[in-house]
PDB file of N, CA and C in Angstrom:
ATOM      1  N   MET A   1       4.935 -17.956   5.102  1.00  0.00           N
ATOM      2  CA  MET A   1       5.871 -17.610   4.066  1.00  0.00           C
ATOM      3  C   MET A   1       5.997 -16.099   4.015  1.00  0.00           C
ATOM      4  N   GLN A   2       7.194 -15.594   4.085  1.00  0.00           N
ATOM      5  CA  GLN A   2       7.447 -14.170   3.967  1.00  0.00           C
ATOM      6  C   GLN A   2       8.592 -13.998   2.986  1.00  0.00           C
ATOM      7  N   THR A   3       8.281 -13.585   1.775  1.00  0.00           N
ATOM      8  CA  THR A   3       9.288 -13.437   0.739  1.00  0.00           C
ATOM      9  C   THR A   3       9.174 -12.060   0.136  1.00  0.00           C
ATOM     10  N   VAL A   4      10.222 -11.309   0.185  1.00  0.00           N
ATOM     11  CA  VAL A   4      10.279 -10.032  -0.498  1.00  0.00           C
ATOM     12  C   VAL A   4      11.459 -10.130  -1.446  1.00  0.00           C
ATOM     13  N   ILE A   5      11.188 -10.076  -2.731  1.00  0.00           N
ATOM     14  CA  ILE A   5      12.241 -10.218  -3.724  1.00  0.00           C
ATOM     15  C   ILE A   5      12.246  -8.975  -4.586  1.00  0.00           C
ATOM     16  N   VAL A   6      13.413  -8.382  -4.745  1.00  0.00           N
ATOM     17  CA  VAL A   6      13.536  -7.246  -5.639  1.00  0.00           C
ATOM     18  C   VAL A   6      13.884  -7.829  -6.995  1.00  0.00           C
ATOM     19  N   GLY A   7      12.932  -7.806  -7.899  1.00  0.00           N
ATOM     20  CA  GLY A   7      13.134  -8.391  -9.217  1.00  0.00           C
ATOM     21  C   GLY A   7      11.811  -8.865  -9.784  1.00  0.00           C
ATOM     22  N   THR A   8      11.759  -9.122 -11.074  1.00  0.00           N
ATOM     23  CA  THR A   8      10.586  -9.750 -11.667  1.00  0.00           C
ATOM     24  C   THR A   8      10.831 -11.241 -11.689  1.00  0.00           C
ATOM     25  N   PRO A   9       9.787 -12.039 -11.580  1.00  0.00           N
ATOM     26  CA  PRO A   9      10.021 -13.473 -11.540  1.00  0.00           C
ATOM     27  C   PRO A   9      10.612 -13.982 -12.843  1.00  0.00           C
ATOM     28  N   GLY A  10      11.507 -14.952 -12.733  1.00  0.00           N
ATOM     29  CA  GLY A  10      12.059 -15.610 -13.912  1.00  0.00           C
ATOM     30  C   GLY A  10      11.036 -16.570 -14.485  1.00  0.00           C
ATOM     31  N   PRO A  11      11.393 -17.314 -15.510  1.00  0.00           N
ATOM     32  CA  PRO A  11      10.432 -18.227 -16.119  1.00  0.00           C
ATOM     33  C   PRO A  11      10.045 -19.343 -15.164  1.00  0.00           C
ATOM     34  N   ARG A  12       8.831 -19.856 -15.352  1.00  0.00           N
ATOM     35  CA  ARG A  12       8.380 -20.976 -14.532  1.00  0.00           C
ATOM     36  C   ARG A  12       9.194 -22.205 -14.888  1.00  0.00           C
ATOM     37  N   GLY A  13       9.378 -23.052 -13.921  1.00  0.00           N
ATOM     38  CA  GLY A  13      10.153 -24.254 -14.185  1.00  0.00           C
ATOM     39  C   GLY A  13      10.068 -25.225 -13.040  1.00  0.00           C
ATOM     40  N   PRO A  14      10.955 -26.222 -13.002  1.00  0.00           N
ATOM     41  CA  PRO A  14      10.877 -27.286 -12.013  1.00  0.00           C
ATOM     42  C   PRO A  14      11.076 -26.814 -10.581  1.00  0.00           C
ATOM     43  N   LYS A  15      11.613 -25.629 -10.367  1.00  0.00           N
ATOM     44  CA  LYS A  15      11.839 -25.149  -9.009  1.00  0.00           C
ATOM     45  C   LYS A  15      10.676 -24.314  -8.497  1.00  0.00           C
ATOM     46  N   GLY A  16       9.588 -24.245  -9.245  1.00  0.00           N
ATOM     47  CA  GLY A  16       8.420 -23.514  -8.765  1.00  0.00           C
ATOM     48  C   GLY A  16       8.182 -22.248  -9.533  1.00  0.00           C
ATOM     49  N   GLU A  17       7.551 -21.290  -8.856  1.00  0.00           N
ATOM     50  CA  GLU A  17       7.047 -20.088  -9.517  1.00  0.00           C
ATOM     51  C   GLU A  17       8.123 -19.321 -10.273  1.00  0.00           C
ATOM     52  N   THR A  18       9.319 -19.191  -9.713  1.00  0.00           N
ATOM     53  CA  THR A  18      10.325 -18.369 -10.372  1.00  0.00           C
ATOM     54  C   THR A  18      11.221 -19.164 -11.307  1.00  0.00           C
ATOM     55  N   GLY A  19      11.104 -20.460 -11.339  1.00  0.00           N
ATOM     56  CA  GLY A  19      11.837 -21.268 -12.302  1.00  0.00           C
ATOM     57  C   GLY A  19      13.330 -21.320 -12.050  1.00  0.00           C
ATOM     58  N   PRO A  20      14.062 -21.961 -12.937  1.00  0.00           N
ATOM     59  CA  PRO A  20      15.479 -22.189 -12.720  1.00  0.00           C
ATOM     60  C   PRO A  20      16.327 -20.926 -12.747  1.00  0.00           C
ATOM     61  N   GLN A  21      15.868 -19.864 -13.418  1.00  0.00           N
ATOM     62  CA  GLN A  21      16.664 -18.647 -13.474  1.00  0.00           C
ATOM     63  C   GLN A  21      16.588 -17.851 -12.185  1.00  0.00           C
ATOM     64  N   GLY A  22      15.544 -18.079 -11.400  1.00  0.00           N
ATOM     65  CA  GLY A  22      15.376 -17.302 -10.188  1.00  0.00           C
ATOM     66  C   GLY A  22      14.879 -15.904 -10.477  1.00  0.00           C
ATOM     67  N   PRO A  23      14.736 -15.099  -9.444  1.00  0.00           N
ATOM     68  CA  PRO A  23      14.127 -13.790  -9.603  1.00  0.00           C
ATOM     69  C   PRO A  23      15.082 -12.742 -10.153  1.00  0.00           C
ATOM     70  N   SER A  24      14.510 -11.791 -10.864  1.00  0.00           N
ATOM     71  CA  SER A  24      15.228 -10.585 -11.266  1.00  0.00           C
ATOM     72  C   SER A  24      14.180  -9.526 -11.540  1.00  0.00           C
ATOM     73  N   GLY A  25      14.297  -8.323 -11.058  1.00  0.00           N
ATOM     74  CA  GLY A  25      13.281  -7.279 -11.211  1.00  0.00           C
ATOM     75  C   GLY A  25      12.648  -6.993  -9.865  1.00  0.00           C
ATOM     76  N   SER A  26      11.323  -6.828  -9.773  1.00  0.00           N
ATOM     77  CA  SER A  26      10.734  -6.570  -8.461  1.00  0.00           C
ATOM     78  C   SER A  26       9.327  -7.140  -8.340  1.00  0.00           C
ATOM     79  N   PHE A  27       9.081  -7.859  -7.266  1.00  0.00           N
ATOM     80  CA  PHE A  27       7.747  -8.312  -6.899  1.00  0.00           C
ATOM     81  C   PHE A  27       7.726  -8.634  -5.425  1.00  0.00           C
ATOM     82  N   LEU A  28       6.542  -8.753  -4.867  1.00  0.00           N
ATOM     83  CA  LEU A  28       6.375  -9.011  -3.444  1.00  0.00           C
ATOM     84  C   LEU A  28       5.413 -10.172  -3.283  1.00  0.00           C
ATOM     85  N   ASN A  29       5.827 -11.172  -2.542  1.00  0.00           N
ATOM     86  CA  ASN A  29       4.971 -12.302  -2.220  1.00  0.00           C
ATOM     87  C   ASN A  29       5.036 -12.459  -0.711  1.00  0.00           C
ATOM     88  N   PHE A  30       3.939 -12.163  -0.021  1.00  0.00           N
ATOM     89  CA  PHE A  30       3.985 -12.101   1.435  1.00  0.00           C
ATOM     90  C   PHE A  30       2.719 -12.696   2.018  1.00  0.00           C
ATOM     91  N   THR A  31       2.881 -13.568   2.987  1.00  0.00           N
ATOM     92  CA  THR A  31       1.757 -14.110   3.735  1.00  0.00           C
ATOM     93  C   THR A  31       2.024 -13.863   5.203  1.00  0.00           C
ATOM     94  N   GLY A  32       1.071 -13.310   5.912  1.00  0.00           N
ATOM     95  CA  GLY A  32       1.256 -13.026   7.329  1.00  0.00           C
ATOM     96  C   GLY A  32       0.910 -11.581   7.617  1.00  0.00           C
ATOM     97  N   SER A  33       1.583 -10.979   8.570  1.00  0.00           N
ATOM     98  CA  SER A  33       1.332  -9.598   8.960  1.00  0.00           C
ATOM     99  C   SER A  33       2.532  -8.743   8.620  1.00  0.00           C
ATOM    100  N   ALA A  34       2.261  -7.489   8.297  1.00  0.00           N
ATOM    101  CA  ALA A  34       3.335  -6.544   8.003  1.00  0.00           C
ATOM    102  C   ALA A  34       2.892  -5.159   8.427  1.00  0.00           C
ATOM    103  N   GLU A  35       3.839  -4.335   8.784  1.00  0.00           N
ATOM    104  CA  GLU A  35       3.562  -2.938   9.101  1.00  0.00           C
ATOM    105  C   GLU A  35       4.489  -2.093   8.251  1.00  0.00           C
ATOM    106  N   ILE A  36       3.923  -1.129   7.558  1.00  0.00           N
ATOM    107  CA  ILE A  36       4.706  -0.223   6.735  1.00  0.00           C
ATOM    108  C   ILE A  36       4.628   1.145   7.373  1.00  0.00           C
ATOM    109  N   THR A  37       5.761   1.727   7.676  1.00  0.00           N
ATOM    110  CA  THR A  37       5.816   3.078   8.198  1.00  0.00           C
ATOM    111  C   THR A  37       6.248   3.969   7.050  1.00  0.00           C
ATOM    112  N   GLY A  38       5.461   4.953   6.744  1.00  0.00           N
ATOM    113  CA  GLY A  38       5.742   5.789   5.583  1.00  0.00           C
ATOM    114  C   GLY A  38       4.645   5.599   4.562  1.00  0.00           C
ATOM    115  N   SER A  39       5.012   5.505   3.304  1.00  0.00           N
ATOM    116  CA  SER A  39       3.997   5.355   2.266  1.00  0.00           C
ATOM    117  C   SER A  39       4.320   4.156   1.387  1.00  0.00           C
ATOM    118  N   LEU A  40       3.308   3.663   0.735  1.00  0.00           N
ATOM    119  CA  LEU A  40       3.421   2.527  -0.171  1.00  0.00           C
ATOM    120  C   LEU A  40       2.735   2.922  -1.460  1.00  0.00           C
ATOM    121  N   GLU A  41       3.437   2.819  -2.573  1.00  0.00           N
ATOM    122  CA  GLU A  41       2.849   3.135  -3.870  1.00  0.00           C
ATOM    123  C   GLU A  41       2.689   1.851  -4.657  1.00  0.00           C
ATOM    124  N   VAL A  42       1.492   1.640  -5.164  1.00  0.00           N
ATOM    125  CA  VAL A  42       1.191   0.438  -5.932  1.00  0.00           C
ATOM    126  C   VAL A  42       0.704   0.861  -7.302  1.00  0.00           C
ATOM    127  N   THR A  43       1.306   0.318  -8.338  1.00  0.00           N
ATOM    128  CA  THR A  43       0.821   0.528  -9.694  1.00  0.00           C
ATOM    129  C   THR A  43       0.065  -0.730 -10.072  1.00  0.00           C
ATOM    130  N   GLY A  44      -1.170  -0.594 -10.427  1.00  0.00           N
ATOM    131  CA  GLY A  44      -2.015  -1.753 -10.686  1.00  0.00           C
ATOM    132  C   GLY A  44      -3.178  -1.726  -9.726  1.00  0.00           C
ATOM    133  N   SER A  45      -3.619  -2.870  -9.288  1.00  0.00           N
ATOM    134  CA  SER A  45      -4.765  -2.924  -8.390  1.00  0.00           C
ATOM    135  C   SER A  45      -4.407  -3.686  -7.124  1.00  0.00           C
ATOM    136  N   ILE A  46      -5.166  -3.421  -6.084  1.00  0.00           N
ATOM    137  CA  ILE A  46      -5.005  -4.113  -4.812  1.00  0.00           C
ATOM    138  C   ILE A  46      -6.310  -4.846  -4.527  1.00  0.00           C
ATOM    139  N   THR A  47      -6.213  -6.110  -4.239  1.00  0.00           N
ATOM    140  CA  THR A  47      -7.376  -6.904  -3.876  1.00  0.00           C
ATOM    141  C   THR A  47      -7.113  -7.489  -2.501  1.00  0.00           C
ATOM    142  N   PHE A  48      -8.074  -7.350  -1.598  1.00  0.00           N
ATOM    143  CA  PHE A  48      -7.905  -7.938  -0.276  1.00  0.00           C
ATOM    144  C   PHE A  48      -9.241  -8.417   0.246  1.00  0.00           C
ATOM    145  N   THR A  49      -9.163  -9.371   1.142  1.00  0.00           N
ATOM    146  CA  THR A  49     -10.348  -9.819   1.855  1.00  0.00           C
ATOM    147  C   THR A  49     -10.149  -9.394   3.297  1.00  0.00           C
ATOM    148  N   GLY A  50     -11.132  -8.859   3.876  1.00  0.00           N
ATOM    149  CA  GLY A  50     -11.021  -8.360   5.233  1.00  0.00           C
ATOM    150  C   GLY A  50     -11.557  -6.948   5.300  1.00  0.00           C
ATOM    151  N   LEU A  51     -11.041  -6.172   6.217  1.00  0.00           N
ATOM    152  CA  LEU A  51     -11.519  -4.821   6.454  1.00  0.00           C
ATOM    153  C   LEU A  51     -10.435  -3.814   6.150  1.00  0.00           C
ATOM    154  N   PHE A  52     -10.840  -2.650   5.676  1.00  0.00           N
ATOM    155  CA  PHE A  52      -9.945  -1.508   5.578  1.00  0.00           C
ATOM    156  C   PHE A  52     -10.137  -0.706   6.848  1.00  0.00           C
ATOM    157  N   SER A  53      -9.068  -0.352   7.512  1.00  0.00           N
ATOM    158  CA  SER A  53      -9.180   0.380   8.779  1.00  0.00           C
ATOM    159  C   SER A  53      -8.276   1.598   8.770  1.00  0.00           C
ATOM    160  N   ASN A  54      -8.762   2.683   9.337  1.00  0.00           N
ATOM    161  CA  ASN A  54      -7.919   3.836   9.609  1.00  0.00           C
ATOM    162  C   ASN A  54      -8.180   4.270  11.048  1.00  0.00           C
ATOM    163  N   PRO A  55      -7.205   4.919  11.678  1.00  0.00           N
ATOM    164  CA  PRO A  55      -7.386   5.295  13.082  1.00  0.00           C
ATOM    165  C   PRO A  55      -8.467   6.362  13.232  1.00  0.00           C
ATOM    166  N   SER A  56      -9.117   6.389  14.382  1.00  0.00           N
ATOM    167  CA  SER A  56     -10.141   7.400  14.634  1.00  0.00           C
ATOM    168  C   SER A  56      -9.518   8.712  15.109  1.00  0.00           C
ATOM    169  N   THR A  57      -8.234   8.672  15.475  1.00  0.00           N
ATOM    170  CA  THR A  57      -7.493   9.876  15.841  1.00  0.00           C
ATOM    171  C   THR A  57      -6.303  10.015  14.910  1.00  0.00           C
ATOM    172  N   VAL A  58      -6.226  11.144  14.208  1.00  0.00           N
ATOM    173  CA  VAL A  58      -5.102  11.426  13.323  1.00  0.00           C
ATOM    174  C   VAL A  58      -4.175  12.377  14.056  1.00  0.00           C
ATOM    175  N   GLU A  59      -2.971  11.907  14.367  1.00  0.00           N
ATOM    176  CA  GLU A  59      -2.003  12.721  15.097  1.00  0.00           C
ATOM    177  C   GLU A  59      -0.882  13.218  14.197  1.00  0.00           C
ATOM    178  N   ASP A  60      -0.682  12.562  13.050  1.00  0.00           N
ATOM    179  CA  ASP A  60       0.384  12.941  12.130  1.00  0.00           C
ATOM    180  C   ASP A  60      -0.116  14.011  11.169  1.00  0.00           C
ATOM    181  N   ASN A  61       0.810  14.698  10.543  1.00  0.00           N
ATOM    182  CA  ASN A  61       0.466  15.622   9.477  1.00  0.00           C
ATOM    183  C   ASN A  61       0.323  14.814   8.190  1.00  0.00           C
ATOM    184  N   LEU A  62      -0.828  14.926   7.549  1.00  0.00           N
ATOM    185  CA  LEU A  62      -1.107  14.176   6.336  1.00  0.00           C
ATOM    186  C   LEU A  62      -1.301  15.133   5.170  1.00  0.00           C
ATOM    187  N   THR A  63      -0.841  14.733   3.979  1.00  0.00           N
ATOM    188  CA  THR A  63      -1.015  15.522   2.768  1.00  0.00           C
ATOM    189  C   THR A  63      -1.459  14.602   1.650  1.00  0.00           C
ATOM    190  N   THR A  64      -2.506  14.996   0.938  1.00  0.00           N
ATOM    191  CA  THR A  64      -2.942  14.198  -0.205  1.00  0.00           C
ATOM    192  C   THR A  64      -1.900  14.291  -1.310  1.00  0.00           C
ATOM    193  N   VAL A  65      -1.967  13.354  -2.244  1.00  0.00           N
ATOM    194  CA  VAL A  65      -1.026  13.323  -3.360  1.00  0.00           C
ATOM    195  C   VAL A  65      -1.679  14.028  -4.542  1.00  0.00           C
ATOM    196  N   THR A  66      -0.951  14.927  -5.196  1.00  0.00           N
ATOM    197  CA  THR A  66      -1.478  15.671  -6.328  1.00  0.00           C
ATOM    198  C   THR A  66      -2.023  14.726  -7.394  1.00  0.00           C
ATOM    199  N   GLY A  67      -3.255  14.974  -7.806  1.00  0.00           N
ATOM    200  CA  GLY A  67      -3.869  14.162  -8.845  1.00  0.00           C
ATOM    201  C   GLY A  67      -4.547  12.895  -8.336  1.00  0.00           C
ATOM    202  N   TYR A  68      -4.531  12.689  -7.025  1.00  0.00           N
ATOM    203  CA  TYR A  68      -5.161  11.505  -6.436  1.00  0.00           C
ATOM    204  C   TYR A  68      -6.188  11.945  -5.405  1.00  0.00           C
ATOM    205  N   ASN A  69      -7.235  11.161  -5.237  1.00  0.00           N
ATOM    206  CA  ASN A  69      -8.249  11.413  -4.214  1.00  0.00           C
ATOM    207  C   ASN A  69      -7.977  10.528  -3.013  1.00  0.00           C
ATOM    208  N   SER A  70      -8.428  10.970  -1.844  1.00  0.00           N
ATOM    209  CA  SER A  70      -8.171  10.248  -0.600  1.00  0.00           C
ATOM    210  C   SER A  70      -9.476  10.029   0.150  1.00  0.00           C
ATOM    211  N   LEU A  71      -9.459   9.034   1.026  1.00  0.00           N
ATOM    212  CA  LEU A  71     -10.657   8.653   1.768  1.00  0.00           C
ATOM    213  C   LEU A  71     -10.285   8.360   3.208  1.00  0.00           C
ATOM    214  N   LEU A  72     -11.061   8.877   4.143  1.00  0.00           N
ATOM    215  CA  LEU A  72     -10.975   8.527   5.556  1.00  0.00           C
ATOM    216  C   LEU A  72     -12.365   8.134   6.013  1.00  0.00           C
ATOM    217  N   VAL A  73     -12.444   7.185   6.907  1.00  0.00           N
ATOM    218  CA  VAL A  73     -13.718   6.796   7.493  1.00  0.00           C
ATOM    219  C   VAL A  73     -13.773   7.432   8.870  1.00  0.00           C
ATOM    220  N   GLY A  74     -14.824   8.182   9.161  1.00  0.00           N
ATOM    221  CA  GLY A  74     -14.903   8.941  10.384  1.00  0.00           C
ATOM    222  C   GLY A  74     -15.980   8.430  11.312  1.00  0.00           C
ATOM    223  N   PRO A  75     -16.169   9.105  12.418  1.00  0.00           N
ATOM    224  CA  PRO A  75     -15.623  10.429  12.703  1.00  0.00           C
ATOM    225  C   PRO A  75     -14.119  10.374  12.995  1.00  0.00           C
ATOM    226  N   ILE A  76     -13.453  11.480  12.728  1.00  0.00           N
ATOM    227  CA  ILE A  76     -12.004  11.604  12.902  1.00  0.00           C
ATOM    228  C   ILE A  76     -11.721  12.710  13.905  1.00  0.00           C
ATOM    229  N   THR A  77     -10.864  12.428  14.879  1.00  0.00           N
ATOM    230  CA  THR A  77     -10.327  13.448  15.766  1.00  0.00           C
ATOM    231  C   THR A  77      -8.951  13.788  15.228  1.00  0.00           C
ATOM    232  N   ASN A  78      -8.732  15.061  14.915  1.00  0.00           N
ATOM    233  CA  ASN A  78      -7.500  15.470  14.251  1.00  0.00           C
ATOM    234  C   ASN A  78      -6.682  16.387  15.152  1.00  0.00           C
ATOM    235  N   SER A  79      -5.487  15.922  15.544  1.00  0.00           N
ATOM    236  CA  SER A  79      -4.584  16.788  16.306  1.00  0.00           C
ATOM    237  C   SER A  79      -3.361  17.153  15.473  1.00  0.00           C
ATOM    238  N   GLY A  80      -3.284  16.615  14.258  1.00  0.00           N
ATOM    239  CA  GLY A  80      -2.240  16.992  13.311  1.00  0.00           C
ATOM    240  C   GLY A  80      -2.870  17.894  12.266  1.00  0.00           C
ATOM    241  N   SER A  81      -2.237  17.987  11.115  1.00  0.00           N
ATOM    242  CA  SER A  81      -2.836  18.761  10.034  1.00  0.00           C
ATOM    243  C   SER A  81      -3.103  17.841   8.853  1.00  0.00           C
ATOM    244  N   ILE A  82      -4.163  18.138   8.129  1.00  0.00           N
ATOM    245  CA  ILE A  82      -4.485  17.407   6.906  1.00  0.00           C
ATOM    246  C   ILE A  82      -4.536  18.439   5.792  1.00  0.00           C
ATOM    247  N   THR A  83      -3.631  18.310   4.837  1.00  0.00           N
ATOM    248  CA  THR A  83      -3.542  19.238   3.721  1.00  0.00           C
ATOM    249  C   THR A  83      -4.063  18.564   2.465  1.00  0.00           C
ATOM    250  N   VAL A  84      -5.022  19.199   1.815  1.00  0.00           N
ATOM    251  CA  VAL A  84      -5.552  18.704   0.548  1.00  0.00           C
ATOM    252  C   VAL A  84      -4.996  19.623  -0.539  1.00  0.00           C
ATOM    253  N   VAL A  85      -4.112  19.068  -1.361  1.00  0.00           N
ATOM    254  CA  VAL A  85      -3.436  19.876  -2.374  1.00  0.00           C
ATOM    255  C   VAL A  85      -4.351  20.087  -3.585  1.00  0.00           C
ATOM    256  N   THR A  86      -4.041  21.097  -4.374  1.00  0.00           N
ATOM    257  CA  THR A  86      -4.795  21.389  -5.590  1.00  0.00           C
ATOM    258  C   THR A  86      -4.797  20.169  -6.503  1.00  0.00           C
ATOM    259  N   GLY A  87      -5.960  19.837  -7.030  1.00  0.00           N
ATOM    260  CA  GLY A  87      -6.080  18.693  -7.926  1.00  0.00           C
ATOM    261  C   GLY A  87      -6.401  17.399  -7.204  1.00  0.00           C
ATOM    262  N   SER A  88      -6.567  17.478  -5.893  1.00  0.00           N
ATOM    263  CA  SER A  88      -6.915  16.294  -5.079  1.00  0.00           C
ATOM    264  C   SER A  88      -8.205  16.564  -4.331  1.00  0.00           C
ATOM    265  N   ARG A  89      -8.773  15.489  -3.821  1.00  0.00           N
ATOM    266  CA  ARG A  89      -9.994  15.602  -3.025  1.00  0.00           C
ATOM    267  C   ARG A  89      -9.906  14.643  -1.854  1.00  0.00           C
ATOM    268  N   LEU A  90     -10.352  15.077  -0.687  1.00  0.00           N
ATOM    269  CA  LEU A  90     -10.423  14.225   0.502  1.00  0.00           C
ATOM    270  C   LEU A  90     -11.883  14.049   0.866  1.00  0.00           C
ATOM    271  N   LYS A  91     -12.297  12.815   1.039  1.00  0.00           N
ATOM    272  CA  LYS A  91     -13.678  12.517   1.434  1.00  0.00           C
ATOM    273  C   LYS A  91     -13.639  11.792   2.765  1.00  0.00           C
ATOM    274  N   ILE A  92     -14.372  12.283   3.750  1.00  0.00           N
ATOM    275  CA  ILE A  92     -14.518  11.596   5.048  1.00  0.00           C
ATOM    276  C   ILE A  92     -15.944  11.097   5.107  1.00  0.00           C
ATOM    277  N   ILE A  93     -16.089   9.781   5.194  1.00  0.00           N
ATOM    278  CA  ILE A  93     -17.444   9.219   5.238  1.00  0.00           C
ATOM    279  C   ILE A  93     -17.720   8.667   6.614  1.00  0.00           C
TER     280      ILE A  93
END
């Protein structure tokens, strides 16, 4: 199942999760694999089972987000630049 709906779910009803009104607003319901190029912002929490992975070689220019902390698992080979802005922290473990 791969469903991306821009909208909040309508009321529950006989047609399943989104009910007879259908979707309006924004939510994501996705099963399978996906690749996001760019950035993804989530308000709330993320829960996953499995592993968190980052590449051992960073080739892109990366910048932390003001007011947020960042984490990389190393060792890291860096051929791009990593900028840590004021008010942020980067931790490589």
